[in-house]
C-alpha cells in the first residue's frame, strides 16, 4: 500500500481535535478519510436532522467548523494543509502544504479548541469591550465571511422577535419536537446529543433571545440579566453548498477567537431554519447574502461541555 498523505498518528490526532467543533444538537455529522492524496471530510448521511435541517445546510456548516479545527491541528503539528471545497461529493479535501511553523495566532486558537463550548446559561450585564468586538469582526472577515453586529434597541428587539417567531413555528411541528427530544437526554455522559448537564435551564419567558428547549430544569435565574447583549449575525458571500461549508469555517474561527478573548458564546439557528423568517432577517440586516447563524457573545459562568464520539467512530477507511 502506498504511503498516506499524512502520518496516521498525525491524522488521528488532528481528527481528535476536529470533532470538538460545534454541530446542531451535537449530532456530529462528519466522517474523515485519509488517502494518498490527502484528507477528505464527508457528511455522515445517518446523522442529518430532517425536521429542522431538511436540505443539510446545518450539516455542511458543522462540517466546515470541523474542517477549520482540522486545519488548525495540522498546522500546529507542523503538517499544514491547503484545502478545496466541494469536489466529487467530498465537502472539504485537505492536501499537504509546504512545511512551515504555526504562527502565534494559530497556537492561541488551537489551545481553545477543547475549551470552547456553547454556553446555555444566563449571561452577565458586563459589556463586551469594543476592542474584543473588533477582533470578532476581524476574525470573520479574515476567514472570508462577515459578522453583522445588531446594534440599537429597535434592531435587537426585531432580531429577538424573529428568533421567537421561528422557535414557535418549529416547536409547533411534532416531527421537530420528536427530533429535538431524540437528541436530548436525561442521562449524563452521552457521547452525542445534548445531555442534561449541558442543556442549561429550561427557556424562561423573560429571556430576550429564545433558546431551544433541551429538557433542562426550570430555574428563575434564566431571566434576562443583560440589558444590552452583544448579538451578531454571521454570513458569507454566496448560498451554494460550498459557501455553507465555508460559513462553518468562519463560525469556528469566530468562536475560537471569542474563547481566546474569554467570552462565552451562544448560537441561535432557529430563524435560519424557517425560510420565511430567514428572508425577513436578511431584509432586516439590509444584506444581499443570506444569514447563516445568529450569535450572542458575553460573559457567563463556564457550563458543562457536550461529549464527543470516539475518534475511531468517525474515521472512514479508504475504499
C-alpha atoms as a PDB file:
ATOM      1  CA  UNK A   1       0.000   0.000   0.000  1.00  0.00           C
ATOM      2  CA  UNK A   2       1.330   3.449  -0.896  1.00  0.00           C
ATOM      3  CA  UNK A   3       2.036   5.960   1.842  1.00  0.00           C
ATOM      4  CA  UNK A   4      -0.793   8.131   3.083  1.00  0.00           C
ATOM      5  CA  UNK A   5      -0.586  11.892   2.670  1.00  0.00           C
ATOM      6  CA  UNK A   6      -0.187  12.285   6.445  1.00  0.00           C
ATOM      7  CA  UNK A   7       1.262  10.004   9.054  1.00  0.00           C
ATOM      8  CA  UNK A   8      -1.589   8.001  10.604  1.00  0.00           C
ATOM      9  CA  UNK A   9      -0.856   9.245  14.123  1.00  0.00           C
ATOM     10  CA  UNK A  10      -0.841  12.866  12.944  1.00  0.00           C
ATOM     11  CA  UNK A  11      -4.111  12.258  11.096  1.00  0.00           C
ATOM     12  CA  UNK A  12      -5.920  10.618  14.010  1.00  0.00           C
ATOM     13  CA  UNK A  13      -4.675  13.245  16.461  1.00  0.00           C
ATOM     14  CA  UNK A  14      -5.943  16.003  14.175  1.00  0.00           C
ATOM     15  CA  UNK A  15      -9.319  14.269  13.836  1.00  0.00           C
ATOM     16  CA  UNK A  16      -9.412  14.084  17.639  1.00  0.00           C
ATOM     17  CA  UNK A  17      -9.312  17.875  17.660  1.00  0.00           C
ATOM     18  CA  UNK A  18     -11.613  18.331  14.663  1.00  0.00           C
ATOM     19  CA  UNK A  19     -14.545  16.585  16.350  1.00  0.00           C
ATOM     20  CA  UNK A  20     -14.698  19.277  19.054  1.00  0.00           C
ATOM     21  CA  UNK A  21     -16.375  21.582  16.558  1.00  0.00           C
ATOM     22  CA  UNK A  22     -19.972  22.590  17.282  1.00  0.00           C
ATOM     23  CA  UNK A  23     -22.802  20.835  15.489  1.00  0.00           C
ATOM     24  CA  UNK A  24     -26.539  21.283  15.625  1.00  0.00           C
ATOM     25  CA  UNK A  25     -27.972  19.226  18.533  1.00  0.00           C
ATOM     26  CA  UNK A  26     -24.398  17.896  18.919  1.00  0.00           C
ATOM     27  CA  UNK A  27     -25.213  15.456  16.138  1.00  0.00           C
ATOM     28  CA  UNK A  28     -21.548  15.306  14.978  1.00  0.00           C
ATOM     29  CA  UNK A  29     -22.441  14.712  11.298  1.00  0.00           C
ATOM     30  CA  UNK A  30     -18.933  14.184   9.927  1.00  0.00           C
ATOM     31  CA  UNK A  31     -16.621  11.493   8.603  1.00  0.00           C
ATOM     32  CA  UNK A  32     -12.871  11.705   7.913  1.00  0.00           C
ATOM     33  CA  UNK A  33     -10.828   9.688   5.423  1.00  0.00           C
ATOM     34  CA  UNK A  34      -7.061   9.753   4.948  1.00  0.00           C
ATOM     35  CA  UNK A  35      -5.803   8.777   1.495  1.00  0.00           C
ATOM     36  CA  UNK A  36      -2.632   9.031  -0.542  1.00  0.00           C
ATOM     37  CA  UNK A  37      -3.835  12.385  -1.837  1.00  0.00           C
ATOM     38  CA  UNK A  38      -4.955  13.995   1.399  1.00  0.00           C
ATOM     39  CA  UNK A  39      -7.751  14.071   3.953  1.00  0.00           C
ATOM     40  CA  UNK A  40     -11.384  14.031   2.869  1.00  0.00           C
ATOM     41  CA  UNK A  41     -14.100  15.387   5.135  1.00  0.00           C
ATOM     42  CA  UNK A  42     -17.532  13.997   4.294  1.00  0.00           C
ATOM     43  CA  UNK A  43     -21.012  14.377   5.716  1.00  0.00           C
ATOM     44  CA  UNK A  44     -22.380  11.396   7.637  1.00  0.00           C
ATOM     45  CA  UNK A  45     -25.768  10.778   5.989  1.00  0.00           C
ATOM     46  CA  UNK A  46     -27.081   8.944   9.029  1.00  0.00           C
ATOM     47  CA  UNK A  47     -26.756  11.996  11.252  1.00  0.00           C
ATOM     48  CA  UNK A  48     -28.840  14.530   9.427  1.00  0.00           C
ATOM     49  CA  UNK A  49     -31.821  16.239  11.061  1.00  0.00           C
ATOM     50  CA  UNK A  50     -34.664  16.075   8.531  1.00  0.00           C
ATOM     51  CA  UNK A  51     -37.131  18.119  10.581  1.00  0.00           C
ATOM     52  CA  UNK A  52     -35.026  21.211  11.283  1.00  0.00           C
ATOM     53  CA  UNK A  53     -32.386  20.771   8.558  1.00  0.00           C
ATOM     54  CA  UNK A  54     -34.112  19.156   5.564  1.00  0.00           C
ATOM     55  CA  UNK A  55     -31.628  20.435   2.974  1.00  0.00           C
ATOM     56  CA  UNK A  56     -28.498  19.629   5.005  1.00  0.00           C
ATOM     57  CA  UNK A  57     -27.358  23.240   5.401  1.00  0.00           C
ATOM     58  CA  UNK A  58     -26.598  22.845   9.116  1.00  0.00           C
ATOM     59  CA  UNK A  59     -24.696  19.612   8.421  1.00  0.00           C
ATOM     60  CA  UNK A  60     -22.460  21.451   5.972  1.00  0.00           C
ATOM     61  CA  UNK A  61     -21.894  24.318   8.400  1.00  0.00           C
ATOM     62  CA  UNK A  62     -20.992  21.826  11.135  1.00  0.00           C
ATOM     63  CA  UNK A  63     -18.566  20.012   8.841  1.00  0.00           C
ATOM     64  CA  UNK A  64     -16.972  23.318   7.879  1.00  0.00           C
ATOM     65  CA  UNK A  65     -16.365  24.066  11.562  1.00  0.00           C
ATOM     66  CA  UNK A  66     -14.737  20.641  11.972  1.00  0.00           C
ATOM     67  CA  UNK A  67     -12.572  21.335   8.903  1.00  0.00           C
ATOM     68  CA  UNK A  68     -11.312  24.544  10.492  1.00  0.00           C
ATOM     69  CA  UNK A  69     -10.280  22.630  13.626  1.00  0.00           C
ATOM     70  CA  UNK A  70      -8.590  20.045  11.416  1.00  0.00           C
ATOM     71  CA  UNK A  71      -6.614  22.741   9.600  1.00  0.00           C
ATOM     72  CA  UNK A  72      -5.510  24.292  12.894  1.00  0.00           C
ATOM     73  CA  UNK A  73      -4.469  20.946  14.373  1.00  0.00           C
ATOM     74  CA  UNK A  74      -2.391  20.048  11.324  1.00  0.00           C
ATOM     75  CA  UNK A  75      -0.750  23.483  11.286  1.00  0.00           C
ATOM     76  CA  UNK A  76       0.254  23.234  14.952  1.00  0.00           C
ATOM     77  CA  UNK A  77       1.523  19.681  14.359  1.00  0.00           C
ATOM     78  CA  UNK A  78       3.905  21.072  11.728  1.00  0.00           C
ATOM     79  CA  UNK A  79       1.972  19.414   8.884  1.00  0.00           C
ATOM     80  CA  UNK A  80      -0.045  22.288   7.375  1.00  0.00           C
ATOM     81  CA  UNK A  81      -2.681  21.807   4.724  1.00  0.00           C
ATOM     82  CA  UNK A  82      -4.267  23.561   1.803  1.00  0.00           C
ATOM     83  CA  UNK A  83      -7.936  22.891   1.175  1.00  0.00           C
ATOM     84  CA  UNK A  84     -10.528  22.820  -1.572  1.00  0.00           C
ATOM     85  CA  UNK A  85     -14.310  22.804  -1.174  1.00  0.00           C
ATOM     86  CA  UNK A  86     -16.956  20.677  -2.832  1.00  0.00           C
ATOM     87  CA  UNK A  87     -15.138  18.227  -5.085  1.00  0.00           C
ATOM     88  CA  UNK A  88     -16.755  14.941  -6.174  1.00  0.00           C
ATOM     89  CA  UNK A  89     -19.011  14.550  -3.149  1.00  0.00           C
ATOM     90  CA  UNK A  90     -16.294  15.495  -0.663  1.00  0.00           C
ATOM     91  CA  UNK A  91     -17.198  18.578   1.382  1.00  0.00           C
ATOM     92  CA  UNK A  92     -13.565  19.513   2.091  1.00  0.00           C
ATOM     93  CA  UNK A  93     -10.367  17.995   0.743  1.00  0.00           C
ATOM     94  CA  UNK A  94      -7.129  18.842   2.528  1.00  0.00           C
ATOM     95  CA  UNK A  95      -3.785  18.330   0.807  1.00  0.00           C
ATOM     96  CA  UNK A  96      -0.279  18.788   2.226  1.00  0.00           C
ATOM     97  CA  UNK A  97       1.141  22.300   2.036  1.00  0.00           C
ATOM     98  CA  UNK A  98       4.745  23.457   2.275  1.00  0.00           C
ATOM     99  CA  UNK A  99       6.139  22.867   5.741  1.00  0.00           C
ATOM    100  CA  UNK A 100       6.155  25.963   7.938  1.00  0.00           C
ATOM    101  CA  UNK A 101       5.786  26.637  11.659  1.00  0.00           C
ATOM    102  CA  UNK A 102       2.394  27.622  13.010  1.00  0.00           C
ATOM    103  CA  UNK A 103       2.081  31.318  13.835  1.00  0.00           C
ATOM    104  CA  UNK A 104       1.241  32.659  17.322  1.00  0.00           C
ATOM    105  CA  UNK A 105      -2.401  33.237  16.415  1.00  0.00           C
ATOM    106  CA  UNK A 106      -2.810  29.628  15.265  1.00  0.00           C
ATOM    107  CA  UNK A 107      -1.307  28.397  18.533  1.00  0.00           C
ATOM    108  CA  UNK A 108      -3.676  30.600  20.556  1.00  0.00           C
ATOM    109  CA  UNK A 109      -6.768  29.466  18.674  1.00  0.00           C
ATOM    110  CA  UNK A 110      -5.695  25.830  18.760  1.00  0.00           C
ATOM    111  CA  UNK A 111      -5.492  25.964  22.568  1.00  0.00           C
ATOM    112  CA  UNK A 112      -9.174  26.935  22.647  1.00  0.00           C
ATOM    113  CA  UNK A 113     -10.471  24.018  20.578  1.00  0.00           C
ATOM    114  CA  UNK A 114     -11.304  21.848  23.599  1.00  0.00           C
ATOM    115  CA  UNK A 115     -12.141  24.770  25.882  1.00  0.00           C
ATOM    116  CA  UNK A 116     -14.728  26.331  23.603  1.00  0.00           C
ATOM    117  CA  UNK A 117     -18.322  25.315  24.192  1.00  0.00           C
ATOM    118  CA  UNK A 118     -21.822  26.626  23.658  1.00  0.00           C
ATOM    119  CA  UNK A 119     -22.966  28.392  26.808  1.00  0.00           C
ATOM    120  CA  UNK A 120     -26.653  27.904  27.615  1.00  0.00           C
ATOM    121  CA  UNK A 121     -26.576  29.743  30.970  1.00  0.00           C
ATOM    122  CA  UNK A 122     -27.611  33.388  31.617  1.00  0.00           C
ATOM    123  CA  UNK A 123     -25.043  35.992  30.585  1.00  0.00           C
ATOM    124  CA  UNK A 124     -23.919  38.766  32.909  1.00  0.00           C
ATOM    125  CA  UNK A 125     -24.532  42.500  32.499  1.00  0.00           C
ATOM    126  CA  UNK A 126     -20.821  43.180  31.911  1.00  0.00           C
ATOM    127  CA  UNK A 127     -20.494  44.715  28.424  1.00  0.00           C
ATOM    128  CA  UNK A 128     -18.043  43.347  25.866  1.00  0.00           C
ATOM    129  CA  UNK A 129     -15.175  45.757  25.223  1.00  0.00           C
ATOM    130  CA  UNK A 130     -15.000  47.479  21.831  1.00  0.00           C
ATOM    131  CA  UNK A 131     -11.554  46.009  21.129  1.00  0.00           C
ATOM    132  CA  UNK A 132     -12.902  42.473  21.630  1.00  0.00           C
ATOM    133  CA  UNK A 133     -15.844  43.172  19.336  1.00  0.00           C
ATOM    134  CA  UNK A 134     -13.439  44.415  16.671  1.00  0.00           C
ATOM    135  CA  UNK A 135     -11.424  41.199  16.919  1.00  0.00           C
ATOM    136  CA  UNK A 136     -14.547  39.091  16.379  1.00  0.00           C
ATOM    137  CA  UNK A 137     -15.486  41.070  13.272  1.00  0.00           C
ATOM    138  CA  UNK A 138     -11.898  40.805  12.016  1.00  0.00           C
ATOM    139  CA  UNK A 139     -11.841  37.038  12.572  1.00  0.00           C
ATOM    140  CA  UNK A 140     -14.919  36.573  10.376  1.00  0.00           C
ATOM    141  CA  UNK A 141     -13.503  38.845   7.681  1.00  0.00           C
ATOM    142  CA  UNK A 142     -10.108  37.121   7.644  1.00  0.00           C
ATOM    143  CA  UNK A 143     -11.794  33.757   7.022  1.00  0.00           C
ATOM    144  CA  UNK A 144     -13.859  35.098   4.140  1.00  0.00           C
ATOM    145  CA  UNK A 145     -17.116  35.894   5.920  1.00  0.00           C
ATOM    146  CA  UNK A 146     -18.904  38.689   7.706  1.00  0.00           C
ATOM    147  CA  UNK A 147     -20.218  39.380  11.199  1.00  0.00           C
ATOM    148  CA  UNK A 148     -23.031  41.904  11.292  1.00  0.00           C
ATOM    149  CA  UNK A 149     -23.421  43.499  14.721  1.00  0.00           C
ATOM    150  CA  UNK A 150     -27.013  44.050  15.820  1.00  0.00           C
ATOM    151  CA  UNK A 151     -26.880  47.461  17.447  1.00  0.00           C
ATOM    152  CA  UNK A 152     -29.613  49.644  18.848  1.00  0.00           C
ATOM    153  CA  UNK A 153     -32.651  48.692  20.867  1.00  0.00           C
ATOM    154  CA  UNK A 154     -35.041  48.507  17.917  1.00  0.00           C
ATOM    155  CA  UNK A 155     -32.785  46.246  15.838  1.00  0.00           C
ATOM    156  CA  UNK A 156     -32.117  43.976  18.801  1.00  0.00           C
ATOM    157  CA  UNK A 157     -35.820  43.706  19.591  1.00  0.00           C
ATOM    158  CA  UNK A 158     -36.591  42.926  15.953  1.00  0.00           C
ATOM    159  CA  UNK A 159     -33.983  40.125  15.794  1.00  0.00           C
ATOM    160  CA  UNK A 160     -35.214  38.721  19.107  1.00  0.00           C
ATOM    161  CA  UNK A 161     -38.756  38.670  17.742  1.00  0.00           C
ATOM    162  CA  UNK A 162     -37.619  36.760  14.651  1.00  0.00           C
ATOM    163  CA  UNK A 163     -35.904  34.165  16.860  1.00  0.00           C
ATOM    164  CA  UNK A 164     -39.060  33.844  18.955  1.00  0.00           C
ATOM    165  CA  UNK A 165     -41.293  33.549  15.881  1.00  0.00           C
ATOM    166  CA  UNK A 166     -39.101  30.879  14.299  1.00  0.00           C
ATOM    167  CA  UNK A 167     -38.829  28.911  17.545  1.00  0.00           C
ATOM    168  CA  UNK A 168     -42.601  28.931  17.974  1.00  0.00           C
ATOM    169  CA  UNK A 169     -43.165  27.747  14.399  1.00  0.00           C
ATOM    170  CA  UNK A 170     -40.620  24.939  14.772  1.00  0.00           C
ATOM    171  CA  UNK A 171     -41.996  23.900  18.159  1.00  0.00           C
ATOM    172  CA  UNK A 172     -45.472  23.569  16.656  1.00  0.00           C
ATOM    173  CA  UNK A 173     -44.205  20.788  14.379  1.00  0.00           C
ATOM    174  CA  UNK A 174     -44.485  17.367  16.078  1.00  0.00           C
ATOM    175  CA  UNK A 175     -41.658  15.993  13.913  1.00  0.00           C
ATOM    176  CA  UNK A 176     -39.345  18.792  15.059  1.00  0.00           C
ATOM    177  CA  UNK A 177     -40.228  18.216  18.721  1.00  0.00           C
ATOM    178  CA  UNK A 178     -39.668  14.473  18.387  1.00  0.00           C
ATOM    179  CA  UNK A 179     -36.312  15.072  16.713  1.00  0.00           C
ATOM    180  CA  UNK A 180     -35.249  17.538  19.415  1.00  0.00           C
ATOM    181  CA  UNK A 181     -36.184  15.059  22.135  1.00  0.00           C
ATOM    182  CA  UNK A 182     -34.309  12.269  20.363  1.00  0.00           C
ATOM    183  CA  UNK A 183     -31.121  14.353  20.573  1.00  0.00           C
ATOM    184  CA  UNK A 184     -31.764  15.444  24.171  1.00  0.00           C
ATOM    185  CA  UNK A 185     -31.033  13.190  27.107  1.00  0.00           C
ATOM    186  CA  UNK A 186     -31.771  12.997  30.809  1.00  0.00           C
ATOM    187  CA  UNK A 187     -28.670  10.825  31.183  1.00  0.00           C
ATOM    188  CA  UNK A 188     -25.157  12.125  31.809  1.00  0.00           C
ATOM    189  CA  UNK A 189     -22.113  11.170  29.746  1.00  0.00           C
ATOM    190  CA  UNK A 190     -23.982  10.627  26.498  1.00  0.00           C
ATOM    191  CA  UNK A 191     -21.423  10.837  23.667  1.00  0.00           C
ATOM    192  CA  UNK A 192     -23.829  12.561  21.268  1.00  0.00           C
ATOM    193  CA  UNK A 193     -26.738  14.929  21.568  1.00  0.00           C
ATOM    194  CA  UNK A 194     -27.207  17.356  24.449  1.00  0.00           C
ATOM    195  CA  UNK A 195     -27.308  15.731  27.879  1.00  0.00           C
ATOM    196  CA  UNK A 196     -28.827  17.267  30.991  1.00  0.00           C
ATOM    197  CA  UNK A 197     -25.524  18.714  32.225  1.00  0.00           C
ATOM    198  CA  UNK A 198     -25.043  20.774  29.071  1.00  0.00           C
ATOM    199  CA  UNK A 199     -28.712  21.571  28.346  1.00  0.00           C
ATOM    200  CA  UNK A 200     -28.913  24.552  30.655  1.00  0.00           C
ATOM    201  CA  UNK A 201     -32.101  25.540  32.391  1.00  0.00           C
ATOM    202  CA  UNK A 202     -35.386  25.476  30.527  1.00  0.00           C
ATOM    203  CA  UNK A 203     -36.125  28.583  28.460  1.00  0.00           C
ATOM    204  CA  UNK A 204     -37.711  31.354  30.535  1.00  0.00           C
ATOM    205  CA  UNK A 205     -40.450  33.696  29.246  1.00  0.00           C
ATOM    206  CA  UNK A 206     -38.392  36.722  30.328  1.00  0.00           C
ATOM    207  CA  UNK A 207     -35.453  35.797  28.101  1.00  0.00           C
ATOM    208  CA  UNK A 208     -34.848  38.212  25.255  1.00  0.00           C
ATOM    209  CA  UNK A 209     -33.320  35.574  22.964  1.00  0.00           C
ATOM    210  CA  UNK A 210     -35.338  32.357  22.908  1.00  0.00           C
ATOM    211  CA  UNK A 211     -33.186  29.260  23.434  1.00  0.00           C
ATOM    212  CA  UNK A 212     -34.066  25.759  22.326  1.00  0.00           C
ATOM    213  CA  UNK A 213     -35.639  23.611  24.998  1.00  0.00           C
ATOM    214  CA  UNK A 214     -33.348  20.617  25.554  1.00  0.00           C
ATOM    215  CA  UNK A 215     -35.351  19.498  28.577  1.00  0.00           C
ATOM    216  CA  UNK A 216     -33.410  21.345  31.252  1.00  0.00           C
ATOM    217  CA  UNK A 217     -34.951  22.119  34.648  1.00  0.00           C
ATOM    218  CA  UNK A 218     -36.942  25.298  35.262  1.00  0.00           C
ATOM    219  CA  UNK A 219     -34.956  27.945  37.128  1.00  0.00           C
ATOM    220  CA  UNK A 220     -35.666  31.570  37.994  1.00  0.00           C
ATOM    221  CA  UNK A 221     -32.163  32.697  37.039  1.00  0.00           C
ATOM    222  CA  UNK A 222     -32.878  32.056  33.381  1.00  0.00           C
ATOM    223  CA  UNK A 223     -34.423  35.539  33.264  1.00  0.00           C
ATOM    224  CA  UNK A 224     -32.586  38.071  31.124  1.00  0.00           C
ATOM    225  CA  UNK A 225     -29.712  39.624  33.077  1.00  0.00           C
ATOM    226  CA  UNK A 226     -28.003  41.622  30.357  1.00  0.00           C
ATOM    227  CA  UNK A 227     -29.776  44.787  29.236  1.00  0.00           C
ATOM    228  CA  UNK A 228     -27.656  45.268  26.106  1.00  0.00           C
ATOM    229  CA  UNK A 229     -26.450  41.844  24.944  1.00  0.00           C
ATOM    230  CA  UNK A 230     -23.890  41.642  22.140  1.00  0.00           C
ATOM    231  CA  UNK A 231     -25.724  39.952  19.271  1.00  0.00           C
ATOM    232  CA  UNK A 232     -24.327  39.417  15.792  1.00  0.00           C
ATOM    233  CA  UNK A 233     -25.373  37.642  12.604  1.00  0.00           C
ATOM    234  CA  UNK A 234     -22.791  35.606  10.706  1.00  0.00           C
ATOM    235  CA  UNK A 235     -22.725  35.004   6.971  1.00  0.00           C
ATOM    236  CA  UNK A 236     -20.627  34.554   3.857  1.00  0.00           C
ATOM    237  CA  UNK A 237     -20.922  35.690   0.241  1.00  0.00           C
ATOM    238  CA  UNK A 238     -22.973  33.143  -1.679  1.00  0.00           C
ATOM    239  CA  UNK A 239     -25.512  30.450  -0.815  1.00  0.00           C
ATOM    240  CA  UNK A 240     -24.162  27.360  -2.596  1.00  0.00           C
ATOM    241  CA  UNK A 241     -23.393  24.229  -0.541  1.00  0.00           C
ATOM    242  CA  UNK A 242     -19.665  25.062  -0.628  1.00  0.00           C
ATOM    243  CA  UNK A 243     -20.463  28.519   0.776  1.00  0.00           C
ATOM    244  CA  UNK A 244     -22.255  26.879   3.692  1.00  0.00           C
ATOM    245  CA  UNK A 245     -19.149  24.796   4.415  1.00  0.00           C
ATOM    246  CA  UNK A 246     -17.105  28.000   4.358  1.00  0.00           C
ATOM    247  CA  UNK A 247     -19.611  29.546   6.768  1.00  0.00           C
ATOM    248  CA  UNK A 248     -18.735  26.756   9.201  1.00  0.00           C
ATOM    249  CA  UNK A 249     -15.055  27.647   8.941  1.00  0.00           C
ATOM    250  CA  UNK A 250     -15.876  31.300   9.574  1.00  0.00           C
ATOM    251  CA  UNK A 251     -18.065  30.306  12.520  1.00  0.00           C
ATOM    252  CA  UNK A 252     -15.378  28.218  14.175  1.00  0.00           C
ATOM    253  CA  UNK A 253     -12.716  30.897  13.754  1.00  0.00           C
ATOM    254  CA  UNK A 254     -15.051  33.433  15.357  1.00  0.00           C
ATOM    255  CA  UNK A 255     -15.958  31.065  18.215  1.00  0.00           C
ATOM    256  CA  UNK A 256     -12.324  30.212  18.942  1.00  0.00           C
ATOM    257  CA  UNK A 257     -11.445  33.900  18.857  1.00  0.00           C
ATOM    258  CA  UNK A 258     -14.242  34.568  21.354  1.00  0.00           C
ATOM    259  CA  UNK A 259     -12.926  31.828  23.631  1.00  0.00           C
ATOM    260  CA  UNK A 260      -9.421  33.284  23.361  1.00  0.00           C
ATOM    261  CA  UNK A 261     -10.888  36.624  24.497  1.00  0.00           C
ATOM    262  CA  UNK A 262     -12.561  34.990  27.493  1.00  0.00           C
ATOM    263  CA  UNK A 263     -16.026  35.394  26.022  1.00  0.00           C
ATOM    264  CA  UNK A 264     -18.923  32.975  26.246  1.00  0.00           C
ATOM    265  CA  UNK A 265     -20.929  32.314  23.097  1.00  0.00           C
ATOM    266  CA  UNK A 266     -24.429  31.054  22.366  1.00  0.00           C
ATOM    267  CA  UNK A 267     -25.901  30.160  18.990  1.00  0.00           C
ATOM    268  CA  UNK A 268     -29.415  30.630  17.636  1.00  0.00           C
ATOM    269  CA  UNK A 269     -30.167  28.909  14.340  1.00  0.00           C
ATOM    270  CA  UNK A 270     -33.977  28.833  14.603  1.00  0.00           C
ATOM    271  CA  UNK A 271     -34.519  31.874  12.333  1.00  0.00           C
ATOM    272  CA  UNK A 272     -32.266  30.302   9.711  1.00  0.00           C
ATOM    273  CA  UNK A 273     -34.255  27.046   9.763  1.00  0.00           C
ATOM    274  CA  UNK A 274     -37.535  28.727   8.767  1.00  0.00           C
ATOM    275  CA  UNK A 275     -37.104  30.076   5.202  1.00  0.00           C
ATOM    276  CA  UNK A 276     -39.606  32.929   5.517  1.00  0.00           C
ATOM    277  CA  UNK A 277     -38.043  34.121   8.768  1.00  0.00           C
ATOM    278  CA  UNK A 278     -34.555  33.833   7.311  1.00  0.00           C
ATOM    279  CA  UNK A 279     -35.597  36.109   4.472  1.00  0.00           C
ATOM    280  CA  UNK A 280     -37.058  38.598   6.944  1.00  0.00           C
ATOM    281  CA  UNK A 281     -33.763  38.570   8.826  1.00  0.00           C
ATOM    282  CA  UNK A 282     -31.815  39.167   5.617  1.00  0.00           C
ATOM    283  CA  UNK A 283     -34.012  42.156   4.776  1.00  0.00           C
ATOM    284  CA  UNK A 284     -33.728  43.484   8.315  1.00  0.00           C
ATOM    285  CA  UNK A 285     -29.942  43.452   8.034  1.00  0.00           C
ATOM    286  CA  UNK A 286     -30.068  45.016   4.580  1.00  0.00           C
ATOM    287  CA  UNK A 287     -27.648  42.463   3.149  1.00  0.00           C
ATOM    288  CA  UNK A 288     -27.537  40.687  -0.195  1.00  0.00           C
ATOM    289  CA  UNK A 289     -26.256  37.463   1.396  1.00  0.00           C
ATOM    290  CA  UNK A 290     -28.496  35.122   3.354  1.00  0.00           C
ATOM    291  CA  UNK A 291     -27.595  34.933   7.066  1.00  0.00           C
ATOM    292  CA  UNK A 292     -26.175  31.660   8.367  1.00  0.00           C
ATOM    293  CA  UNK A 293     -26.435  31.992  12.162  1.00  0.00           C
ATOM    294  CA  UNK A 294     -27.323  34.379  14.974  1.00  0.00           C
ATOM    295  CA  UNK A 295     -24.715  34.547  17.732  1.00  0.00           C
ATOM    296  CA  UNK A 296     -24.548  36.041  21.190  1.00  0.00           C
ATOM    297  CA  UNK A 297     -21.313  36.894  22.985  1.00  0.00           C
ATOM    298  CA  UNK A 298     -20.688  37.997  26.539  1.00  0.00           C
ATOM    299  CA  UNK A 299     -19.550  36.849  29.940  1.00  0.00           C
ATOM    300  CA  UNK A 300     -21.082  33.866  31.696  1.00  0.00           C
ATOM    301  CA  UNK A 301     -20.046  31.091  34.082  1.00  0.00           C
ATOM    302  CA  UNK A 302     -18.445  28.074  32.446  1.00  0.00           C
ATOM    303  CA  UNK A 303     -21.019  25.364  31.854  1.00  0.00           C
ATOM    304  CA  UNK A 304     -20.721  21.679  31.086  1.00  0.00           C
ATOM    305  CA  UNK A 305     -19.490  20.549  27.694  1.00  0.00           C
ATOM    306  CA  UNK A 306     -21.275  18.156  25.417  1.00  0.00           C
ATOM    307  CA  UNK A 307     -19.309  14.959  24.798  1.00  0.00           C
ATOM    308  CA  UNK A 308     -17.878  13.575  21.566  1.00  0.00           C
ATOM    309  CA  UNK A 309     -17.837  10.151  19.943  1.00  0.00           C
ATOM    310  CA  UNK A 310     -14.568   8.181  19.865  1.00  0.00           C
ATOM    311  CA  UNK A 311     -12.244   9.093  17.003  1.00  0.00           C
ATOM    312  CA  UNK A 312     -12.466   5.557  15.608  1.00  0.00           C
ATOM    313  CA  UNK A 313     -16.214   6.063  15.066  1.00  0.00           C
ATOM    314  CA  UNK A 314     -15.734   8.971  12.679  1.00  0.00           C
ATOM    315  CA  UNK A 315     -12.869   7.659  10.536  1.00  0.00           C
ATOM    316  CA  UNK A 316     -13.825   6.083   7.235  1.00  0.00           C
ATOM    317  CA  UNK A 317     -11.449   3.549   5.629  1.00  0.00           C
ATOM    318  CA  UNK A 318     -10.040   4.363   2.225  1.00  0.00           C
ATOM    319  CA  UNK A 319     -12.075   2.499  -0.392  1.00  0.00           C
END
